[in-house]
Amino acid sequence: MPEICRFYGIIIKMYFDDHNPPHFQAEYSGHEALIDVSTMTVFSGRLPTRAQALVIDWATLHQEDLRSDWQKAKSFEPLGK
């Protein structure tokens, strides 16, 4: 699974050819969560409150890039960092 970004110990990843809805995975200190790209909500797993807030803030700023990466991942194309 390609890593898209890493900041403050948080790792953002996206699987190739993954299930809908378009989403990414955030990992932090042994916690994992799946976040919907369109709604910016956690639909599986959990992160500590502060880490989740940082992830949502980051994802909101990069929402178009995440949508683009989702389309690339569906086609097994390299993702942006």
PDB file of N, CA and C in Angstrom:
ATOM      1  N   MET A   1       0.853  -1.167   0.000  1.00  0.00           N
ATOM      2  CA  MET A   1       0.000   0.000   0.000  1.00  0.00           C
ATOM      3  C   MET A   1       0.899   1.231   0.000  1.00  0.00           C
ATOM      4  N   PRO A   2       0.717   2.092  -0.988  1.00  0.00           N
ATOM      5  CA  PRO A   2       1.565   3.282  -1.076  1.00  0.00           C
ATOM      6  C   PRO A   2       1.286   4.306   0.016  1.00  0.00           C
ATOM      7  N   GLU A   3       2.374   4.841   0.511  1.00  0.00           N
ATOM      8  CA  GLU A   3       2.293   5.925   1.485  1.00  0.00           C
ATOM      9  C   GLU A   3       2.159   7.240   0.723  1.00  0.00           C
ATOM     10  N   ILE A   4       1.165   8.025   1.097  1.00  0.00           N
ATOM     11  CA  ILE A   4       0.920   9.304   0.435  1.00  0.00           C
ATOM     12  C   ILE A   4       1.604  10.438   1.184  1.00  0.00           C
ATOM     13  N   CYS A   5       1.564  10.373   2.518  1.00  0.00           N
ATOM     14  CA  CYS A   5       2.100  11.468   3.317  1.00  0.00           C
ATOM     15  C   CYS A   5       2.451  10.958   4.713  1.00  0.00           C
ATOM     16  N   ARG A   6       3.348  11.684   5.369  1.00  0.00           N
ATOM     17  CA  ARG A   6       3.732  11.382   6.749  1.00  0.00           C
ATOM     18  C   ARG A   6       3.986  12.702   7.461  1.00  0.00           C
ATOM     19  N   PHE A   7       3.330  12.901   8.602  1.00  0.00           N
ATOM     20  CA  PHE A   7       3.514  14.123   9.375  1.00  0.00           C
ATOM     21  C   PHE A   7       3.162  13.855  10.831  1.00  0.00           C
ATOM     22  N   TYR A   8       3.926  14.425  11.739  1.00  0.00           N
ATOM     23  CA  TYR A   8       3.703  14.295  13.192  1.00  0.00           C
ATOM     24  C   TYR A   8       3.485  12.842  13.625  1.00  0.00           C
ATOM     25  N   GLY A   9       4.181  11.914  12.990  1.00  0.00           N
ATOM     26  CA  GLY A   9       4.039  10.504  13.339  1.00  0.00           C
ATOM     27  C   GLY A   9       2.816   9.837  12.742  1.00  0.00           C
ATOM     28  N   ILE A  10       2.049  10.562  11.949  1.00  0.00           N
ATOM     29  CA  ILE A  10       0.849  10.030  11.285  1.00  0.00           C
ATOM     30  C   ILE A  10       1.245   9.610   9.876  1.00  0.00           C
ATOM     31  N   ILE A  11       0.796   8.435   9.474  1.00  0.00           N
ATOM     32  CA  ILE A  11       1.080   7.932   8.135  1.00  0.00           C
ATOM     33  C   ILE A  11      -0.243   7.820   7.381  1.00  0.00           C
ATOM     34  N   ILE A  12      -0.274   8.409   6.187  1.00  0.00           N
ATOM     35  CA  ILE A  12      -1.454   8.369   5.324  1.00  0.00           C
ATOM     36  C   ILE A  12      -1.140   7.442   4.159  1.00  0.00           C
ATOM     37  N   LYS A  13      -2.035   6.455   3.939  1.00  0.00           N
ATOM     38  CA  LYS A  13      -1.837   5.471   2.875  1.00  0.00           C
ATOM     39  C   LYS A  13      -3.126   5.272   2.095  1.00  0.00           C
ATOM     40  N   MET A  14      -2.968   4.706   0.888  1.00  0.00           N
ATOM     41  CA  MET A  14      -4.129   4.363   0.079  1.00  0.00           C
ATOM     42  C   MET A  14      -3.820   3.055  -0.650  1.00  0.00           C
ATOM     43  N   TYR A  15      -4.752   2.115  -0.566  1.00  0.00           N
ATOM     44  CA  TYR A  15      -4.600   0.828  -1.240  1.00  0.00           C
ATOM     45  C   TYR A  15      -4.919   0.955  -2.722  1.00  0.00           C
ATOM     46  N   PHE A  16      -4.253   0.141  -3.544  1.00  0.00           N
ATOM     47  CA  PHE A  16      -4.611   0.021  -4.951  1.00  0.00           C
ATOM     48  C   PHE A  16      -5.884  -0.802  -5.067  1.00  0.00           C
ATOM     49  N   ASP A  17      -6.768  -0.390  -5.961  1.00  0.00           N
ATOM     50  CA  ASP A  17      -8.004  -1.102  -6.294  1.00  0.00           C
ATOM     51  C   ASP A  17      -8.805  -1.487  -5.051  1.00  0.00           C
ATOM     52  N   ASP A  18      -8.975  -0.548  -4.136  1.00  0.00           N
ATOM     53  CA  ASP A  18      -9.686  -0.783  -2.881  1.00  0.00           C
ATOM     54  C   ASP A  18     -11.196  -0.607  -3.081  1.00  0.00           C
ATOM     55  N   HIS A  19     -11.961  -1.016  -2.084  1.00  0.00           N
ATOM     56  CA  HIS A  19     -13.424  -0.935  -2.118  1.00  0.00           C
ATOM     57  C   HIS A  19     -13.900   0.509  -1.970  1.00  0.00           C
ATOM     58  N   ASN A  20     -15.118   0.767  -2.426  1.00  0.00           N
ATOM     59  CA  ASN A  20     -15.752   2.072  -2.235  1.00  0.00           C
ATOM     60  C   ASN A  20     -16.275   2.177  -0.819  1.00  0.00           C
ATOM     61  N   PRO A  21     -16.492   3.355  -0.291  1.00  0.00           N
ATOM     62  CA  PRO A  21     -16.333   4.671  -0.898  1.00  0.00           C
ATOM     63  C   PRO A  21     -14.861   5.061  -0.992  1.00  0.00           C
ATOM     64  N   PRO A  22     -14.538   6.046  -1.847  1.00  0.00           N
ATOM     65  CA  PRO A  22     -13.159   6.516  -1.908  1.00  0.00           C
ATOM     66  C   PRO A  22     -12.691   6.933  -0.508  1.00  0.00           C
ATOM     67  N   HIS A  23     -11.552   6.393  -0.103  1.00  0.00           N
ATOM     68  CA  HIS A  23     -11.061   6.640   1.247  1.00  0.00           C
ATOM     69  C   HIS A  23      -9.552   6.458   1.316  1.00  0.00           C
ATOM     70  N   PHE A  24      -9.002   6.828   2.457  1.00  0.00           N
ATOM     71  CA  PHE A  24      -7.588   6.595   2.729  1.00  0.00           C
ATOM     72  C   PHE A  24      -7.470   6.060   4.145  1.00  0.00           C
ATOM     73  N   GLN A  25      -6.309   5.520   4.444  1.00  0.00           N
ATOM     74  CA  GLN A  25      -6.045   4.969   5.773  1.00  0.00           C
ATOM     75  C   GLN A  25      -5.057   5.863   6.493  1.00  0.00           C
ATOM     76  N   ALA A  26      -5.349   6.162   7.736  1.00  0.00           N
ATOM     77  CA  ALA A  26      -4.438   6.932   8.584  1.00  0.00           C
ATOM     78  C   ALA A  26      -3.985   6.034   9.725  1.00  0.00           C
ATOM     79  N   GLU A  27      -2.686   6.034  10.000  1.00  0.00           N
ATOM     80  CA  GLU A  27      -2.121   5.238  11.087  1.00  0.00           C
ATOM     81  C   GLU A  27      -1.371   6.169  12.027  1.00  0.00           C
ATOM     82  N   TYR A  28      -1.556   5.916  13.322  1.00  0.00           N
ATOM     83  CA  TYR A  28      -0.841   6.712  14.320  1.00  0.00           C
ATOM     84  C   TYR A  28      -0.723   5.902  15.601  1.00  0.00           C
ATOM     85  N   SER A  29       0.502   5.662  16.026  1.00  0.00           N
ATOM     86  CA  SER A  29       0.782   5.052  17.323  1.00  0.00           C
ATOM     87  C   SER A  29      -0.057   3.793  17.590  1.00  0.00           C
ATOM     88  N   GLY A  30      -0.099   2.897  16.603  1.00  0.00           N
ATOM     89  CA  GLY A  30      -0.823   1.641  16.764  1.00  0.00           C
ATOM     90  C   GLY A  30      -2.317   1.729  16.496  1.00  0.00           C
ATOM     91  N   HIS A  31      -2.810   2.904  16.172  1.00  0.00           N
ATOM     92  CA  HIS A  31      -4.223   3.095  15.846  1.00  0.00           C
ATOM     93  C   HIS A  31      -4.356   3.237  14.330  1.00  0.00           C
ATOM     94  N   GLU A  32      -5.497   2.797  13.795  1.00  0.00           N
ATOM     95  CA  GLU A  32      -5.769   2.934  12.368  1.00  0.00           C
ATOM     96  C   GLU A  32      -7.205   3.376  12.168  1.00  0.00           C
ATOM     97  N   ALA A  33      -7.413   4.155  11.116  1.00  0.00           N
ATOM     98  CA  ALA A  33      -8.766   4.583  10.771  1.00  0.00           C
ATOM     99  C   ALA A  33      -8.871   4.733   9.263  1.00  0.00           C
ATOM    100  N   LEU A  34     -10.056   4.447   8.738  1.00  0.00           N
ATOM    101  CA  LEU A  34     -10.369   4.693   7.340  1.00  0.00           C
ATOM    102  C   LEU A  34     -11.225   5.946   7.278  1.00  0.00           C
ATOM    103  N   ILE A  35     -10.821   6.883   6.406  1.00  0.00           N
ATOM    104  CA  ILE A  35     -11.512   8.167   6.307  1.00  0.00           C
ATOM    105  C   ILE A  35     -12.056   8.342   4.898  1.00  0.00           C
ATOM    106  N   ASP A  36     -13.333   8.651   4.801  1.00  0.00           N
ATOM    107  CA  ASP A  36     -14.013   8.896   3.533  1.00  0.00           C
ATOM    108  C   ASP A  36     -13.512  10.213   2.949  1.00  0.00           C
ATOM    109  N   VAL A  37     -13.097  10.186   1.684  1.00  0.00           N
ATOM    110  CA  VAL A  37     -12.544  11.376   1.042  1.00  0.00           C
ATOM    111  C   VAL A  37     -13.618  12.454   0.837  1.00  0.00           C
ATOM    112  N   SER A  38     -14.835  12.071   0.549  1.00  0.00           N
ATOM    113  CA  SER A  38     -15.890  13.044   0.268  1.00  0.00           C
ATOM    114  C   SER A  38     -16.419  13.728   1.523  1.00  0.00           C
ATOM    115  N   THR A  39     -16.647  12.945   2.569  1.00  0.00           N
ATOM    116  CA  THR A  39     -17.269  13.493   3.777  1.00  0.00           C
ATOM    117  C   THR A  39     -16.283  13.810   4.893  1.00  0.00           C
ATOM    118  N   MET A  40     -15.051  13.336   4.747  1.00  0.00           N
ATOM    119  CA  MET A  40     -14.016  13.514   5.766  1.00  0.00           C
ATOM    120  C   MET A  40     -14.449  12.943   7.114  1.00  0.00           C
ATOM    121  N   THR A  41     -15.140  11.817   7.077  1.00  0.00           N
ATOM    122  CA  THR A  41     -15.551  11.142   8.305  1.00  0.00           C
ATOM    123  C   THR A  41     -14.850   9.795   8.421  1.00  0.00           C
ATOM    124  N   VAL A  42     -14.604   9.387   9.650  1.00  0.00           N
ATOM    125  CA  VAL A  42     -14.034   8.073   9.927  1.00  0.00           C
ATOM    126  C   VAL A  42     -15.171   7.064   9.834  1.00  0.00           C
ATOM    127  N   PHE A  43     -15.005   6.043   8.983  1.00  0.00           N
ATOM    128  CA  PHE A  43     -16.051   5.032   8.892  1.00  0.00           C
ATOM    129  C   PHE A  43     -15.597   3.662   9.374  1.00  0.00           C
ATOM    130  N   SER A  44     -14.343   3.560   9.772  1.00  0.00           N
ATOM    131  CA  SER A  44     -13.853   2.318  10.355  1.00  0.00           C
ATOM    132  C   SER A  44     -12.612   2.635  11.178  1.00  0.00           C
ATOM    133  N   GLY A  45     -12.494   2.000  12.329  1.00  0.00           N
ATOM    134  CA  GLY A  45     -11.341   2.219  13.198  1.00  0.00           C
ATOM    135  C   GLY A  45     -11.462   3.519  13.969  1.00  0.00           C
ATOM    136  N   ARG A  46     -10.327   3.897  14.588  1.00  0.00           N
ATOM    137  CA  ARG A  46     -10.312   5.148  15.331  1.00  0.00           C
ATOM    138  C   ARG A  46      -8.887   5.626  15.529  1.00  0.00           C
ATOM    139  N   LEU A  47      -8.762   6.920  15.743  1.00  0.00           N
ATOM    140  CA  LEU A  47      -7.502   7.570  16.054  1.00  0.00           C
ATOM    141  C   LEU A  47      -7.692   8.375  17.328  1.00  0.00           C
ATOM    142  N   PRO A  48      -6.610   8.636  18.056  1.00  0.00           N
ATOM    143  CA  PRO A  48      -6.731   9.567  19.179  1.00  0.00           C
ATOM    144  C   PRO A  48      -7.285  10.905  18.673  1.00  0.00           C
ATOM    145  N   THR A  49      -7.997  11.602  19.518  1.00  0.00           N
ATOM    146  CA  THR A  49      -8.715  12.823  19.128  1.00  0.00           C
ATOM    147  C   THR A  49      -7.821  13.830  18.416  1.00  0.00           C
ATOM    148  N   ARG A  50      -6.673  14.132  18.985  1.00  0.00           N
ATOM    149  CA  ARG A  50      -5.778  15.137  18.383  1.00  0.00           C
ATOM    150  C   ARG A  50      -5.254  14.668  17.023  1.00  0.00           C
ATOM    151  N   ALA A  51      -4.868  13.404  16.915  1.00  0.00           N
ATOM    152  CA  ALA A  51      -4.377  12.874  15.646  1.00  0.00           C
ATOM    153  C   ALA A  51      -5.482  12.913  14.598  1.00  0.00           C
ATOM    154  N   GLN A  52      -6.698  12.566  14.983  1.00  0.00           N
ATOM    155  CA  GLN A  52      -7.811  12.592  14.043  1.00  0.00           C
ATOM    156  C   GLN A  52      -8.063  14.016  13.542  1.00  0.00           C
ATOM    157  N   ALA A  53      -8.005  14.975  14.431  1.00  0.00           N
ATOM    158  CA  ALA A  53      -8.203  16.373  14.027  1.00  0.00           C
ATOM    159  C   ALA A  53      -7.129  16.813  13.029  1.00  0.00           C
ATOM    160  N   LEU A  54      -5.879  16.430  13.272  1.00  0.00           N
ATOM    161  CA  LEU A  54      -4.802  16.769  12.340  1.00  0.00           C
ATOM    162  C   LEU A  54      -5.022  16.109  10.983  1.00  0.00           C
ATOM    163  N   VAL A  55      -5.440  14.847  10.981  1.00  0.00           N
ATOM    164  CA  VAL A  55      -5.686  14.127   9.731  1.00  0.00           C
ATOM    165  C   VAL A  55      -6.819  14.795   8.948  1.00  0.00           C
ATOM    166  N   ILE A  56      -7.908  15.118   9.608  1.00  0.00           N
ATOM    167  CA  ILE A  56      -9.038  15.744   8.924  1.00  0.00           C
ATOM    168  C   ILE A  56      -8.645  17.117   8.374  1.00  0.00           C
ATOM    169  N   ASP A  57      -7.900  17.896   9.145  1.00  0.00           N
ATOM    170  CA  ASP A  57      -7.427  19.202   8.658  1.00  0.00           C
ATOM    171  C   ASP A  57      -6.552  19.025   7.421  1.00  0.00           C
ATOM    172  N   TRP A  58      -5.613  18.081   7.483  1.00  0.00           N
ATOM    173  CA  TRP A  58      -4.723  17.825   6.358  1.00  0.00           C
ATOM    174  C   TRP A  58      -5.532  17.372   5.140  1.00  0.00           C
ATOM    175  N   ALA A  59      -6.439  16.426   5.346  1.00  0.00           N
ATOM    176  CA  ALA A  59      -7.217  15.866   4.238  1.00  0.00           C
ATOM    177  C   ALA A  59      -8.118  16.911   3.588  1.00  0.00           C
ATOM    178  N   THR A  60      -8.661  17.809   4.383  1.00  0.00           N
ATOM    179  CA  THR A  60      -9.503  18.868   3.840  1.00  0.00           C
ATOM    180  C   THR A  60      -8.690  19.759   2.899  1.00  0.00           C
ATOM    181  N   LEU A  61      -7.452  20.045   3.278  1.00  0.00           N
ATOM    182  CA  LEU A  61      -6.575  20.851   2.428  1.00  0.00           C
ATOM    183  C   LEU A  61      -6.174  20.113   1.149  1.00  0.00           C
ATOM    184  N   HIS A  62      -6.141  18.781   1.201  1.00  0.00           N
ATOM    185  CA  HIS A  62      -5.655  17.975   0.078  1.00  0.00           C
ATOM    186  C   HIS A  62      -6.750  17.101  -0.535  1.00  0.00           C
ATOM    187  N   GLN A  63      -7.998  17.504  -0.389  1.00  0.00           N
ATOM    188  CA  GLN A  63      -9.116  16.680  -0.838  1.00  0.00           C
ATOM    189  C   GLN A  63      -9.057  16.388  -2.344  1.00  0.00           C
ATOM    190  N   GLU A  64      -8.741  17.371  -3.157  1.00  0.00           N
ATOM    191  CA  GLU A  64      -8.652  17.144  -4.605  1.00  0.00           C
ATOM    192  C   GLU A  64      -7.520  16.171  -4.939  1.00  0.00           C
ATOM    193  N   ASP A  65      -6.389  16.301  -4.262  1.00  0.00           N
ATOM    194  CA  ASP A  65      -5.274  15.367  -4.477  1.00  0.00           C
ATOM    195  C   ASP A  65      -5.687  13.950  -4.086  1.00  0.00           C
ATOM    196  N   LEU A  66      -6.427  13.814  -3.000  1.00  0.00           N
ATOM    197  CA  LEU A  66      -6.885  12.495  -2.556  1.00  0.00           C
ATOM    198  C   LEU A  66      -7.856  11.888  -3.570  1.00  0.00           C
ATOM    199  N   ARG A  67      -8.736  12.702  -4.117  1.00  0.00           N
ATOM    200  CA  ARG A  67      -9.651  12.207  -5.151  1.00  0.00           C
ATOM    201  C   ARG A  67      -8.878  11.738  -6.378  1.00  0.00           C
ATOM    202  N   SER A  68      -7.875  12.512  -6.762  1.00  0.00           N
ATOM    203  CA  SER A  68      -7.034  12.141  -7.897  1.00  0.00           C
ATOM    204  C   SER A  68      -6.275  10.843  -7.610  1.00  0.00           C
ATOM    205  N   ASP A  69      -5.710  10.740  -6.423  1.00  0.00           N
ATOM    206  CA  ASP A  69      -4.991   9.516  -6.046  1.00  0.00           C
ATOM    207  C   ASP A  69      -5.922   8.312  -6.043  1.00  0.00           C
ATOM    208  N   TRP A  70      -7.173   8.495  -5.616  1.00  0.00           N
ATOM    209  CA  TRP A  70      -8.131   7.383  -5.614  1.00  0.00           C
ATOM    210  C   TRP A  70      -8.330   6.859  -7.046  1.00  0.00           C
ATOM    211  N   GLN A  71      -8.488   7.780  -7.996  1.00  0.00           N
ATOM    212  CA  GLN A  71      -8.667   7.366  -9.394  1.00  0.00           C
ATOM    213  C   GLN A  71      -7.413   6.658  -9.912  1.00  0.00           C
ATOM    214  N   LYS A  72      -6.257   7.165  -9.556  1.00  0.00           N
ATOM    215  CA  LYS A  72      -5.005   6.518  -9.958  1.00  0.00           C
ATOM    216  C   LYS A  72      -4.892   5.134  -9.332  1.00  0.00           C
ATOM    217  N   ALA A  73      -5.249   5.013  -8.064  1.00  0.00           N
ATOM    218  CA  ALA A  73      -5.152   3.715  -7.370  1.00  0.00           C
ATOM    219  C   ALA A  73      -6.079   2.683  -8.006  1.00  0.00           C
ATOM    220  N   LYS A  74      -7.241   3.112  -8.470  1.00  0.00           N
ATOM    221  CA  LYS A  74      -8.172   2.191  -9.124  1.00  0.00           C
ATOM    222  C   LYS A  74      -7.573   1.632 -10.411  1.00  0.00           C
ATOM    223  N   SER A  75      -6.665   2.394 -11.022  1.00  0.00           N
ATOM    224  CA  SER A  75      -6.023   1.983 -12.273  1.00  0.00           C
ATOM    225  C   SER A  75      -4.601   1.475 -12.055  1.00  0.00           C
ATOM    226  N   PHE A  76      -4.206   1.288 -10.792  1.00  0.00           N
ATOM    227  CA  PHE A  76      -2.865   0.818 -10.441  1.00  0.00           C
ATOM    228  C   PHE A  76      -1.766   1.738 -10.947  1.00  0.00           C
ATOM    229  N   GLU A  77      -2.054   3.041 -10.978  1.00  0.00           N
ATOM    230  CA  GLU A  77      -1.052   4.038 -11.376  1.00  0.00           C
ATOM    231  C   GLU A  77      -0.339   4.552 -10.124  1.00  0.00           C
ATOM    232  N   PRO A  78       0.878   5.045 -10.257  1.00  0.00           N
ATOM    233  CA  PRO A  78       1.596   5.591  -9.106  1.00  0.00           C
ATOM    234  C   PRO A  78       0.834   6.767  -8.491  1.00  0.00           C
ATOM    235  N   LEU A  79       0.832   6.815  -7.162  1.00  0.00           N
ATOM    236  CA  LEU A  79       0.141   7.886  -6.449  1.00  0.00           C
ATOM    237  C   LEU A  79       1.094   9.024  -6.142  1.00  0.00           C
ATOM    238  N   GLY A  80       0.529  10.220  -5.977  1.00  0.00           N
ATOM    239  CA  GLY A  80       1.339  11.387  -5.619  1.00  0.00           C
ATOM    240  C   GLY A  80       1.680  11.368  -4.145  1.00  0.00           C
ATOM    241  N   LYS A  81       2.736  12.047  -3.792  1.00  0.00           N
ATOM    242  CA  LYS A  81       3.121  12.181  -2.381  1.00  0.00           C
ATOM    243  C   LYS A  81       2.894  13.578  -1.945  1.00  0.00           C
TER     244      LYS A  81
END
